[in-house]
Amino acid sequence: MTRIFGSIILGFGMMFIISCGKKETTPPPLIIIEEEEEELVEGVDYFLPNIDLNNWKVTLPIGNPLEIKPPAILDYATNEILQDFMFNDSINGSLDFYTYPGASTANSSYSRTELREQMVPGSNTTNWTFAQGGRMKGKLAMGEMSKDENGKYHRTMVMQIHGRLTNEQRDLIGEDDNNAPPVLKIYWFEGSVYVRTKKLENVNVSDIDILYTSAWEDDNGYTFSEKVDFNKFELEVIVSDGRMEVIMNGESKVYEDIHMKKWGIFENYFKAGNYLQTKDENASALIKYYELVVSH
């Protein structure tokens, strides 16, 4: 990116030279300054987020709702539809996710501007199990959050691990889609970060009944001790066979019990972004992601 300084022509006016008693005039000399280019340096003059979108699709709070997959998502900076919901903040170096109550997905009443992992770009059918493992790490901050009628901030979900039925599991229990519960939900609420995971209502459930969403319920949750408010913070999620660890700014919460072992029956995928947990009129939220990396 360059800024161009145009050519400047300087006139020096008439100069008078007296020679041999005779007054003469000469035309003013022309001094031309060549065009000069100034390079803008990333990290000095502007900043870009450290996020590779090749393996993510995004869901927006419009349409039915609207989804944009790779490779189209890679052009988010020039996509007129995406520009209202997903855009760069080149001053702070973040990828911003804006949302408000609008269109929701089939299994939710809330709207979102949220990324969904796609191990094969453009496809939802290839996912991973806890035995295969995975890691997601992000650096983010709450940018803006609306308040309810009592003056309390609304809450939003910033990361998830969502379960998925295989086609065989779906057909076995007679479901019409591949939806399974989210085993991990990480929220921002009132300046704190808290975690909810799933546990079985009955740990002796059968191998078939365990596939139903109704077999699982939310645990009591865990709130990290440090309040982040509107400051940057780091989140990391690490999963392996029968184990899940969530780390926030160095503070770790480990889940390693019968519920995590039983969860191994499901496929999974990571999610990250802004999943607003309210339908209040005029509510809105802005999440700023500076880094987001996934590995398996």
Foldseek 3Di string as FASTA:
>chain_A
DWDKDDKDWDWDDWDWDQDPNDIDIDGTDTDIDDIDIDDDDAVHNWAAFADDQQFKKWWAQVDLIDIGWPPVVVVLAPDPVNCVAWYADGHVRWTKGKHAAHRDDPVDNFGGGKIWGHPNTPDDQDFAFLAVKKKKKFKKFWDDFDADPVRFTFKWWFKWKFWFAHPVLCVLLVHPGGGEGIQWTWMQGRQWIKIKGKAAPDLPDDPNVVRDNVRIDIDPIDIDPDGRRGHMKMWMWIGHQQKIWIAINRDIDIGHDSRSNSRRVTGIIMMGHTTTDDNDPPTMTMMIIRYMDMDD
